[in-house]
Amino acid sequence: MRLAIVYALFGDRAAAEATATRMIEAGLAACANVQAPCLSIFRWEGTMERAEETPVLFKTAPARRDALMAALAHAHDYAVPAISSWEAETTADYGAWVAGMTAD
């Protein structure tokens, strides 16, 4: 069975947890794994930047991925939020649970 994993970075843990909670309450994600902070190194507006960010992995049904990504982009406080996704194989039981939690 397939599911969609959506990865997003947040400026701090509080924003990550609040957004994860909203996406689950809205039925856009079945669950979210708020990860340990990481160091991001990137170029922004011509300057090398370093920032501590909190990554989150959201699990959703493939049919809900686009809606989840749009909601994350809308809710995010970054001008250009890092939101990526990919599909993954999972067990039938977990896939069915994800599908059930994210059904329209």
PDB file of N, CA and C in Angstrom:
ATOM      1  N   MET A   1       0.852  -1.173   0.000  1.00  0.00           N
ATOM      2  CA  MET A   1       0.000   0.000   0.000  1.00  0.00           C
ATOM      3  C   MET A   1       0.900   1.238   0.000  1.00  0.00           C
ATOM      4  N   ARG A   2       0.422   2.307  -0.642  1.00  0.00           N
ATOM      5  CA  ARG A   2       1.214   3.523  -0.751  1.00  0.00           C
ATOM      6  C   ARG A   2       0.654   4.615   0.156  1.00  0.00           C
ATOM      7  N   LEU A   3       1.556   5.453   0.639  1.00  0.00           N
ATOM      8  CA  LEU A   3       1.167   6.655   1.369  1.00  0.00           C
ATOM      9  C   LEU A   3       2.075   7.778   0.910  1.00  0.00           C
ATOM     10  N   ALA A   4       1.703   8.984   1.219  1.00  0.00           N
ATOM     11  CA  ALA A   4       2.526  10.151   0.886  1.00  0.00           C
ATOM     12  C   ALA A   4       3.162  10.660   2.164  1.00  0.00           C
ATOM     13  N   ILE A   5       4.428  10.972   2.066  1.00  0.00           N
ATOM     14  CA  ILE A   5       5.155  11.604   3.163  1.00  0.00           C
ATOM     15  C   ILE A   5       5.436  13.036   2.725  1.00  0.00           C
ATOM     16  N   VAL A   6       5.092  13.973   3.579  1.00  0.00           N
ATOM     17  CA  VAL A   6       5.347  15.387   3.299  1.00  0.00           C
ATOM     18  C   VAL A   6       6.313  15.887   4.363  1.00  0.00           C
ATOM     19  N   TYR A   7       7.395  16.496   3.899  1.00  0.00           N
ATOM     20  CA  TYR A   7       8.469  16.988   4.769  1.00  0.00           C
ATOM     21  C   TYR A   7       8.423  18.503   4.756  1.00  0.00           C
ATOM     22  N   ALA A   8       8.456  19.099   5.932  1.00  0.00           N
ATOM     23  CA  ALA A   8       8.471  20.562   6.025  1.00  0.00           C
ATOM     24  C   ALA A   8       9.375  20.983   7.177  1.00  0.00           C
ATOM     25  N   LEU A   9       9.992  22.139   7.022  1.00  0.00           N
ATOM     26  CA  LEU A   9      10.860  22.708   8.049  1.00  0.00           C
ATOM     27  C   LEU A   9      10.181  23.915   8.677  1.00  0.00           C
ATOM     28  N   PHE A  10      10.375  24.068   9.985  1.00  0.00           N
ATOM     29  CA  PHE A  10       9.792  25.191  10.724  1.00  0.00           C
ATOM     30  C   PHE A  10      10.875  25.903  11.524  1.00  0.00           C
ATOM     31  N   GLY A  11      10.643  27.167  11.823  1.00  0.00           N
ATOM     32  CA  GLY A  11      11.625  27.986  12.527  1.00  0.00           C
ATOM     33  C   GLY A  11      11.838  27.607  13.975  1.00  0.00           C
ATOM     34  N   ASP A  12      10.861  26.947  14.575  1.00  0.00           N
ATOM     35  CA  ASP A  12      11.026  26.497  15.954  1.00  0.00           C
ATOM     36  C   ASP A  12      10.050  25.365  16.248  1.00  0.00           C
ATOM     37  N   ARG A  13      10.278  24.712  17.361  1.00  0.00           N
ATOM     38  CA  ARG A  13       9.470  23.542  17.716  1.00  0.00           C
ATOM     39  C   ARG A  13       8.009  23.910  17.958  1.00  0.00           C
ATOM     40  N   ALA A  14       7.766  25.057  18.576  1.00  0.00           N
ATOM     41  CA  ALA A  14       6.382  25.452  18.860  1.00  0.00           C
ATOM     42  C   ALA A  14       5.582  25.597  17.565  1.00  0.00           C
ATOM     43  N   ALA A  15       6.164  26.221  16.562  1.00  0.00           N
ATOM     44  CA  ALA A  15       5.481  26.373  15.266  1.00  0.00           C
ATOM     45  C   ALA A  15       5.273  25.015  14.616  1.00  0.00           C
ATOM     46  N   ALA A  16       6.258  24.141  14.713  1.00  0.00           N
ATOM     47  CA  ALA A  16       6.144  22.801  14.135  1.00  0.00           C
ATOM     48  C   ALA A  16       5.015  22.017  14.799  1.00  0.00           C
ATOM     49  N   GLU A  17       4.969  22.036  16.125  1.00  0.00           N
ATOM     50  CA  GLU A  17       3.934  21.295  16.851  1.00  0.00           C
ATOM     51  C   GLU A  17       2.547  21.873  16.590  1.00  0.00           C
ATOM     52  N   ALA A  18       2.430  23.190  16.582  1.00  0.00           N
ATOM     53  CA  ALA A  18       1.130  23.816  16.350  1.00  0.00           C
ATOM     54  C   ALA A  18       0.614  23.496  14.949  1.00  0.00           C
ATOM     55  N   THR A  19       1.488  23.568  13.962  1.00  0.00           N
ATOM     56  CA  THR A  19       1.079  23.277  12.587  1.00  0.00           C
ATOM     57  C   THR A  19       0.731  21.806  12.437  1.00  0.00           C
ATOM     58  N   ALA A  20       1.521  20.936  13.029  1.00  0.00           N
ATOM     59  CA  ALA A  20       1.234  19.500  12.963  1.00  0.00           C
ATOM     60  C   ALA A  20      -0.144  19.209  13.561  1.00  0.00           C
ATOM     61  N   THR A  21      -0.435  19.799  14.680  1.00  0.00           N
ATOM     62  CA  THR A  21      -1.731  19.594  15.326  1.00  0.00           C
ATOM     63  C   THR A  21      -2.867  20.070  14.425  1.00  0.00           C
ATOM     64  N   ARG A  22      -2.719  21.251  13.814  1.00  0.00           N
ATOM     65  CA  ARG A  22      -3.767  21.785  12.931  1.00  0.00           C
ATOM     66  C   ARG A  22      -3.994  20.885  11.717  1.00  0.00           C
ATOM     67  N   MET A  23      -2.916  20.353  11.130  1.00  0.00           N
ATOM     68  CA  MET A  23      -3.058  19.516   9.943  1.00  0.00           C
ATOM     69  C   MET A  23      -3.751  18.193  10.279  1.00  0.00           C
ATOM     70  N   ILE A  24      -3.466  17.648  11.459  1.00  0.00           N
ATOM     71  CA  ILE A  24      -4.125  16.405  11.882  1.00  0.00           C
ATOM     72  C   ILE A  24      -5.587  16.680  12.217  1.00  0.00           C
ATOM     73  N   GLU A  25      -5.857  17.770  12.935  1.00  0.00           N
ATOM     74  CA  GLU A  25      -7.242  18.113  13.268  1.00  0.00           C
ATOM     75  C   GLU A  25      -8.081  18.358  12.016  1.00  0.00           C
ATOM     76  N   ALA A  26      -7.456  18.888  10.959  1.00  0.00           N
ATOM     77  CA  ALA A  26      -8.161  19.162   9.703  1.00  0.00           C
ATOM     78  C   ALA A  26      -8.328  17.914   8.845  1.00  0.00           C
ATOM     79  N   GLY A  27      -7.746  16.798   9.257  1.00  0.00           N
ATOM     80  CA  GLY A  27      -7.840  15.561   8.490  1.00  0.00           C
ATOM     81  C   GLY A  27      -6.944  15.531   7.264  1.00  0.00           C
ATOM     82  N   LEU A  28      -5.976  16.430   7.210  1.00  0.00           N
ATOM     83  CA  LEU A  28      -5.047  16.461   6.074  1.00  0.00           C
ATOM     84  C   LEU A  28      -3.866  15.523   6.273  1.00  0.00           C
ATOM     85  N   ALA A  29      -3.565  15.199   7.518  1.00  0.00           N
ATOM     86  CA  ALA A  29      -2.483  14.267   7.844  1.00  0.00           C
ATOM     87  C   ALA A  29      -2.987  13.308   8.910  1.00  0.00           C
ATOM     88  N   ALA A  30      -2.533  12.065   8.817  1.00  0.00           N
ATOM     89  CA  ALA A  30      -2.893  11.076   9.831  1.00  0.00           C
ATOM     90  C   ALA A  30      -2.017  11.234  11.062  1.00  0.00           C
ATOM     91  N   CYS A  31      -0.758  11.560  10.847  1.00  0.00           N
ATOM     92  CA  CYS A  31       0.154  11.794  11.957  1.00  0.00           C
ATOM     93  C   CYS A  31       1.309  12.649  11.468  1.00  0.00           C
ATOM     94  N   ALA A  32       2.041  13.185  12.416  1.00  0.00           N
ATOM     95  CA  ALA A  32       3.200  14.008  12.105  1.00  0.00           C
ATOM     96  C   ALA A  32       4.297  13.673  13.099  1.00  0.00           C
ATOM     97  N   ASN A  33       5.494  13.499  12.600  1.00  0.00           N
ATOM     98  CA  ASN A  33       6.646  13.241  13.459  1.00  0.00           C
ATOM     99  C   ASN A  33       7.475  14.509  13.526  1.00  0.00           C
ATOM    100  N   VAL A  34       7.412  15.192  14.661  1.00  0.00           N
ATOM    101  CA  VAL A  34       8.209  16.397  14.883  1.00  0.00           C
ATOM    102  C   VAL A  34       9.601  15.925  15.294  1.00  0.00           C
ATOM    103  N   GLN A  35      10.580  16.279  14.501  1.00  0.00           N
ATOM    104  CA  GLN A  35      11.944  15.785  14.686  1.00  0.00           C
ATOM    105  C   GLN A  35      12.763  16.708  15.588  1.00  0.00           C
ATOM    106  N   ALA A  36      13.957  16.269  15.914  1.00  0.00           N
ATOM    107  CA  ALA A  36      14.897  17.090  16.669  1.00  0.00           C
ATOM    108  C   ALA A  36      15.373  18.242  15.787  1.00  0.00           C
ATOM    109  N   PRO A  37      15.710  19.365  16.389  1.00  0.00           N
ATOM    110  CA  PRO A  37      16.201  20.495  15.588  1.00  0.00           C
ATOM    111  C   PRO A  37      17.427  20.089  14.767  1.00  0.00           C
ATOM    112  N   CYS A  38      17.563  20.737  13.625  1.00  0.00           N
ATOM    113  CA  CYS A  38      18.708  20.502  12.764  1.00  0.00           C
ATOM    114  C   CYS A  38      19.295  21.845  12.335  1.00  0.00           C
ATOM    115  N   LEU A  39      20.504  21.809  11.859  1.00  0.00           N
ATOM    116  CA  LEU A  39      21.150  23.012  11.343  1.00  0.00           C
ATOM    117  C   LEU A  39      20.953  23.052   9.840  1.00  0.00           C
ATOM    118  N   SER A  40      20.364  24.128   9.352  1.00  0.00           N
ATOM    119  CA  SER A  40      20.203  24.330   7.916  1.00  0.00           C
ATOM    120  C   SER A  40      21.188  25.412   7.466  1.00  0.00           C
ATOM    121  N   ILE A  41      21.882  25.138   6.377  1.00  0.00           N
ATOM    122  CA  ILE A  41      22.819  26.086   5.785  1.00  0.00           C
ATOM    123  C   ILE A  41      22.331  26.351   4.378  1.00  0.00           C
ATOM    124  N   PHE A  42      22.122  27.634   4.048  1.00  0.00           N
ATOM    125  CA  PHE A  42      21.540  27.971   2.760  1.00  0.00           C
ATOM    126  C   PHE A  42      21.906  29.405   2.384  1.00  0.00           C
ATOM    127  N   ARG A  43      21.722  29.716   1.116  1.00  0.00           N
ATOM    128  CA  ARG A  43      21.935  31.083   0.645  1.00  0.00           C
ATOM    129  C   ARG A  43      20.558  31.739   0.542  1.00  0.00           C
ATOM    130  N   TRP A  44      20.391  32.911   1.147  1.00  0.00           N
ATOM    131  CA  TRP A  44      19.138  33.654   1.097  1.00  0.00           C
ATOM    132  C   TRP A  44      19.440  35.102   0.770  1.00  0.00           C
ATOM    133  N   GLU A  45      18.878  35.556  -0.328  1.00  0.00           N
ATOM    134  CA  GLU A  45      19.055  36.933  -0.787  1.00  0.00           C
ATOM    135  C   GLU A  45      20.530  37.311  -0.849  1.00  0.00           C
ATOM    136  N   GLY A  46      21.333  36.392  -1.385  1.00  0.00           N
ATOM    137  CA  GLY A  46      22.747  36.650  -1.613  1.00  0.00           C
ATOM    138  C   GLY A  46      23.663  36.455  -0.422  1.00  0.00           C
ATOM    139  N   THR A  47      23.139  36.044   0.697  1.00  0.00           N
ATOM    140  CA  THR A  47      23.935  35.885   1.907  1.00  0.00           C
ATOM    141  C   THR A  47      23.869  34.438   2.385  1.00  0.00           C
ATOM    142  N   MET A  48      25.004  33.889   2.775  1.00  0.00           N
ATOM    143  CA  MET A  48      25.017  32.556   3.377  1.00  0.00           C
ATOM    144  C   MET A  48      24.396  32.652   4.759  1.00  0.00           C
ATOM    145  N   GLU A  49      23.463  31.766   5.028  1.00  0.00           N
ATOM    146  CA  GLU A  49      22.744  31.758   6.296  1.00  0.00           C
ATOM    147  C   GLU A  49      22.910  30.412   6.982  1.00  0.00           C
ATOM    148  N   ARG A  50      22.777  30.430   8.282  1.00  0.00           N
ATOM    149  CA  ARG A  50      22.744  29.222   9.107  1.00  0.00           C
ATOM    150  C   ARG A  50      21.578  29.415  10.069  1.00  0.00           C
ATOM    151  N   ALA A  51      20.723  28.406  10.165  1.00  0.00           N
ATOM    152  CA  ALA A  51      19.571  28.529  11.053  1.00  0.00           C
ATOM    153  C   ALA A  51      19.224  27.167  11.635  1.00  0.00           C
ATOM    154  N   GLU A  52      18.818  27.182  12.878  1.00  0.00           N
ATOM    155  CA  GLU A  52      18.291  25.962  13.476  1.00  0.00           C
ATOM    156  C   GLU A  52      16.826  25.872  13.090  1.00  0.00           C
ATOM    157  N   GLU A  53      16.422  24.723  12.560  1.00  0.00           N
ATOM    158  CA  GLU A  53      15.047  24.513  12.141  1.00  0.00           C
ATOM    159  C   GLU A  53      14.548  23.183  12.689  1.00  0.00           C
ATOM    160  N   THR A  54      13.234  23.040  12.731  1.00  0.00           N
ATOM    161  CA  THR A  54      12.615  21.812  13.212  1.00  0.00           C
ATOM    162  C   THR A  54      11.915  21.122  12.051  1.00  0.00           C
ATOM    163  N   PRO A  55      12.401  19.959  11.624  1.00  0.00           N
ATOM    164  CA  PRO A  55      11.739  19.223  10.547  1.00  0.00           C
ATOM    165  C   PRO A  55      10.548  18.416  11.061  1.00  0.00           C
ATOM    166  N   VAL A  56       9.549  18.284  10.186  1.00  0.00           N
ATOM    167  CA  VAL A  56       8.370  17.474  10.501  1.00  0.00           C
ATOM    168  C   VAL A  56       8.076  16.583   9.298  1.00  0.00           C
ATOM    169  N   LEU A  57       7.799  15.309   9.574  1.00  0.00           N
ATOM    170  CA  LEU A  57       7.347  14.367   8.560  1.00  0.00           C
ATOM    171  C   LEU A  57       5.853  14.131   8.776  1.00  0.00           C
ATOM    172  N   PHE A  58       5.055  14.486   7.791  1.00  0.00           N
ATOM    173  CA  PHE A  58       3.614  14.269   7.830  1.00  0.00           C
ATOM    174  C   PHE A  58       3.295  13.030   7.007  1.00  0.00           C
ATOM    175  N   LYS A  59       2.380  12.183   7.474  1.00  0.00           N
ATOM    176  CA  LYS A  59       1.923  11.023   6.712  1.00  0.00           C
ATOM    177  C   LYS A  59       0.491  11.267   6.296  1.00  0.00           C
ATOM    178  N   THR A  60       0.220  11.081   4.994  1.00  0.00           N
ATOM    179  CA  THR A  60      -1.114  11.304   4.473  1.00  0.00           C
ATOM    180  C   THR A  60      -1.391  10.348   3.325  1.00  0.00           C
ATOM    181  N   ALA A  61      -2.647  10.293   2.908  1.00  0.00           N
ATOM    182  CA  ALA A  61      -3.013   9.516   1.731  1.00  0.00           C
ATOM    183  C   ALA A  61      -2.540  10.266   0.488  1.00  0.00           C
ATOM    184  N   PRO A  62      -2.096   9.557  -0.546  1.00  0.00           N
ATOM    185  CA  PRO A  62      -1.641  10.240  -1.757  1.00  0.00           C
ATOM    186  C   PRO A  62      -2.666  11.237  -2.310  1.00  0.00           C
ATOM    187  N   ALA A  63      -3.948  10.926  -2.192  1.00  0.00           N
ATOM    188  CA  ALA A  63      -4.983  11.830  -2.701  1.00  0.00           C
ATOM    189  C   ALA A  63      -5.086  13.123  -1.893  1.00  0.00           C
ATOM    190  N   ARG A  64      -4.551  13.145  -0.677  1.00  0.00           N
ATOM    191  CA  ARG A  64      -4.621  14.341   0.190  1.00  0.00           C
ATOM    192  C   ARG A  64      -3.325  15.139   0.196  1.00  0.00           C
ATOM    193  N   ARG A  65      -2.298  14.635  -0.484  1.00  0.00           N
ATOM    194  CA  ARG A  65      -0.982  15.277  -0.460  1.00  0.00           C
ATOM    195  C   ARG A  65      -1.036  16.731  -0.922  1.00  0.00           C
ATOM    196  N   ASP A  66      -1.642  17.008  -2.063  1.00  0.00           N
ATOM    197  CA  ASP A  66      -1.656  18.378  -2.584  1.00  0.00           C
ATOM    198  C   ASP A  66      -2.375  19.331  -1.643  1.00  0.00           C
ATOM    199  N   ALA A  67      -3.487  18.882  -1.061  1.00  0.00           N
ATOM    200  CA  ALA A  67      -4.220  19.727  -0.118  1.00  0.00           C
ATOM    201  C   ALA A  67      -3.383  19.990   1.132  1.00  0.00           C
ATOM    202  N   LEU A  68      -2.677  18.978   1.619  1.00  0.00           N
ATOM    203  CA  LEU A  68      -1.803  19.153   2.777  1.00  0.00           C
ATOM    204  C   LEU A  68      -0.689  20.134   2.463  1.00  0.00           C
ATOM    205  N   MET A  69      -0.046  19.968   1.324  1.00  0.00           N
ATOM    206  CA  MET A  69       1.055  20.865   0.967  1.00  0.00           C
ATOM    207  C   MET A  69       0.568  22.310   0.818  1.00  0.00           C
ATOM    208  N   ALA A  70      -0.606  22.508   0.242  1.00  0.00           N
ATOM    209  CA  ALA A  70      -1.161  23.856   0.099  1.00  0.00           C
ATOM    210  C   ALA A  70      -1.483  24.455   1.464  1.00  0.00           C
ATOM    211  N   ALA A  71      -2.052  23.654   2.356  1.00  0.00           N
ATOM    212  CA  ALA A  71      -2.374  24.146   3.698  1.00  0.00           C
ATOM    213  C   ALA A  71      -1.113  24.491   4.480  1.00  0.00           C
ATOM    214  N   LEU A  72      -0.072  23.678   4.331  1.00  0.00           N
ATOM    215  CA  LEU A  72       1.197  23.979   4.994  1.00  0.00           C
ATOM    216  C   LEU A  72       1.784  25.284   4.476  1.00  0.00           C
ATOM    217  N   ALA A  73       1.769  25.463   3.173  1.00  0.00           N
ATOM    218  CA  ALA A  73       2.310  26.693   2.587  1.00  0.00           C
ATOM    219  C   ALA A  73       1.532  27.910   3.081  1.00  0.00           C
ATOM    220  N   HIS A  74       0.215  27.784   3.165  1.00  0.00           N
ATOM    221  CA  HIS A  74      -0.626  28.894   3.613  1.00  0.00           C
ATOM    222  C   HIS A  74      -0.388  29.220   5.094  1.00  0.00           C
ATOM    223  N   ALA A  75      -0.203  28.199   5.912  1.00  0.00           N
ATOM    224  CA  ALA A  75      -0.050  28.387   7.352  1.00  0.00           C
ATOM    225  C   ALA A  75       1.359  28.807   7.756  1.00  0.00           C
ATOM    226  N   HIS A  76       2.312  28.634   6.864  1.00  0.00           N
ATOM    227  CA  HIS A  76       3.726  28.820   7.205  1.00  0.00           C
ATOM    228  C   HIS A  76       4.091  30.293   7.311  1.00  0.00           C
ATOM    229  N   ASP A  77       5.022  30.602   8.213  1.00  0.00           N
ATOM    230  CA  ASP A  77       5.452  31.991   8.351  1.00  0.00           C
ATOM    231  C   ASP A  77       6.707  32.318   7.528  1.00  0.00           C
ATOM    232  N   TYR A  78       7.276  31.348   6.823  1.00  0.00           N
ATOM    233  CA  TYR A  78       8.404  31.611   5.933  1.00  0.00           C
ATOM    234  C   TYR A  78       7.893  32.192   4.616  1.00  0.00           C
ATOM    235  N   ALA A  79       8.678  33.076   4.010  1.00  0.00           N
ATOM    236  CA  ALA A  79       8.331  33.612   2.689  1.00  0.00           C
ATOM    237  C   ALA A  79       8.349  32.507   1.638  1.00  0.00           C
ATOM    238  N   VAL A  80       9.311  31.608   1.750  1.00  0.00           N
ATOM    239  CA  VAL A  80       9.448  30.473   0.825  1.00  0.00           C
ATOM    240  C   VAL A  80       9.657  29.216   1.673  1.00  0.00           C
ATOM    241  N   PRO A  81       8.573  28.603   2.139  1.00  0.00           N
ATOM    242  CA  PRO A  81       8.729  27.430   2.995  1.00  0.00           C
ATOM    243  C   PRO A  81       9.250  26.218   2.224  1.00  0.00           C
ATOM    244  N   ALA A  82      10.085  25.445   2.896  1.00  0.00           N
ATOM    245  CA  ALA A  82      10.610  24.202   2.323  1.00  0.00           C
ATOM    246  C   ALA A  82       9.599  23.101   2.602  1.00  0.00           C
ATOM    247  N   ILE A  83       8.857  22.718   1.568  1.00  0.00           N
ATOM    248  CA  ILE A  83       7.846  21.668   1.687  1.00  0.00           C
ATOM    249  C   ILE A  83       8.062  20.716   0.520  1.00  0.00           C
ATOM    250  N   SER A  84       8.353  19.462   0.822  1.00  0.00           N
ATOM    251  CA  SER A  84       8.621  18.452  -0.207  1.00  0.00           C
ATOM    252  C   SER A  84       7.799  17.215   0.090  1.00  0.00           C
ATOM    253  N   SER A  85       7.622  16.371  -0.923  1.00  0.00           N
ATOM    254  CA  SER A  85       6.893  15.132  -0.666  1.00  0.00           C
ATOM    255  C   SER A  85       7.393  14.019  -1.566  1.00  0.00           C
ATOM    256  N   TRP A  86       7.083  12.809  -1.133  1.00  0.00           N
ATOM    257  CA  TRP A  86       7.359  11.620  -1.922  1.00  0.00           C
ATOM    258  C   TRP A  86       6.396  10.531  -1.475  1.00  0.00           C
ATOM    259  N   GLU A  87       6.228   9.532  -2.312  1.00  0.00           N
ATOM    260  CA  GLU A  87       5.380   8.401  -1.950  1.00  0.00           C
ATOM    261  C   GLU A  87       6.254   7.271  -1.431  1.00  0.00           C
ATOM    262  N   ALA A  88       5.677   6.481  -0.546  1.00  0.00           N
ATOM    263  CA  ALA A  88       6.402   5.360   0.052  1.00  0.00           C
ATOM    264  C   ALA A  88       5.469   4.169   0.179  1.00  0.00           C
ATOM    265  N   GLU A  89       6.054   3.000   0.177  1.00  0.00           N
ATOM    266  CA  GLU A  89       5.308   1.771   0.447  1.00  0.00           C
ATOM    267  C   GLU A  89       5.200   1.594   1.950  1.00  0.00           C
ATOM    268  N   THR A  90       4.068   1.080   2.397  1.00  0.00           N
ATOM    269  CA  THR A  90       3.877   0.803   3.813  1.00  0.00           C
ATOM    270  C   THR A  90       3.072  -0.486   3.963  1.00  0.00           C
ATOM    271  N   THR A  91       2.895  -0.909   5.174  1.00  0.00           N
ATOM    272  CA  THR A  91       2.092  -2.113   5.405  1.00  0.00           C
ATOM    273  C   THR A  91       0.624  -1.823   5.120  1.00  0.00           C
ATOM    274  N   ALA A  92      -0.123  -2.863   4.844  1.00  0.00           N
ATOM    275  CA  ALA A  92      -1.550  -2.708   4.540  1.00  0.00           C
ATOM    276  C   ALA A  92      -2.292  -2.099   5.725  1.00  0.00           C
ATOM    277  N   ASP A  93      -1.986  -2.551   6.933  1.00  0.00           N
ATOM    278  CA  ASP A  93      -2.697  -2.043   8.112  1.00  0.00           C
ATOM    279  C   ASP A  93      -2.421  -0.565   8.343  1.00  0.00           C
ATOM    280  N   TYR A  94      -1.140  -0.167   8.268  1.00  0.00           N
ATOM    281  CA  TYR A  94      -0.810   1.246   8.498  1.00  0.00           C
ATOM    282  C   TYR A  94      -1.366   2.107   7.359  1.00  0.00           C
ATOM    283  N   GLY A  95      -1.262   1.639   6.133  1.00  0.00           N
ATOM    284  CA  GLY A  95      -1.798   2.370   4.999  1.00  0.00           C
ATOM    285  C   GLY A  95      -3.303   2.583   5.117  1.00  0.00           C
ATOM    286  N   ALA A  96      -4.014   1.559   5.578  1.00  0.00           N
ATOM    287  CA  ALA A  96      -5.448   1.683   5.756  1.00  0.00           C
ATOM    288  C   ALA A  96      -5.777   2.688   6.864  1.00  0.00           C
ATOM    289  N   TRP A  97      -4.978   2.672   7.930  1.00  0.00           N
ATOM    290  CA  TRP A  97      -5.192   3.639   9.006  1.00  0.00           C
ATOM    291  C   TRP A  97      -4.969   5.058   8.499  1.00  0.00           C
ATOM    292  N   VAL A  98      -3.882   5.293   7.762  1.00  0.00           N
ATOM    293  CA  VAL A  98      -3.604   6.627   7.206  1.00  0.00           C
ATOM    294  C   VAL A  98      -4.758   7.052   6.301  1.00  0.00           C
ATOM    295  N   ALA A  99      -5.194   6.162   5.427  1.00  0.00           N
ATOM    296  CA  ALA A  99      -6.297   6.480   4.518  1.00  0.00           C
ATOM    297  C   ALA A  99      -7.565   6.819   5.299  1.00  0.00           C
ATOM    298  N   GLY A 100      -7.842   6.058   6.346  1.00  0.00           N
ATOM    299  CA  GLY A 100      -9.024   6.314   7.156  1.00  0.00           C
ATOM    300  C   GLY A 100      -8.974   7.639   7.896  1.00  0.00           C
ATOM    301  N   MET A 101      -7.814   8.003   8.375  1.00  0.00           N
ATOM    302  CA  MET A 101      -7.663   9.243   9.134  1.00  0.00           C
ATOM    303  C   MET A 101      -7.704  10.489   8.239  1.00  0.00           C
ATOM    304  N   THR A 102      -7.463  10.306   6.951  1.00  0.00           N
ATOM    305  CA  THR A 102      -7.387  11.453   6.048  1.00  0.00           C
ATOM    306  C   THR A 102      -8.500  11.447   4.997  1.00  0.00           C
ATOM    307  N   ALA A 103      -9.501  10.582   5.166  1.00  0.00           N
ATOM    308  CA  ALA A 103     -10.603  10.518   4.208  1.00  0.00           C
ATOM    309  C   ALA A 103     -11.412  11.806   4.249  1.00  0.00           C
ATOM    310  N   ASP A 104     -11.839  12.254   3.076  1.00  0.00           N
ATOM    311  CA  ASP A 104     -12.672  13.471   2.996  1.00  0.00           C
ATOM    312  C   ASP A 104     -13.980  13.284   3.713  1.00  0.00           C
TER     313      ASP A 104
END
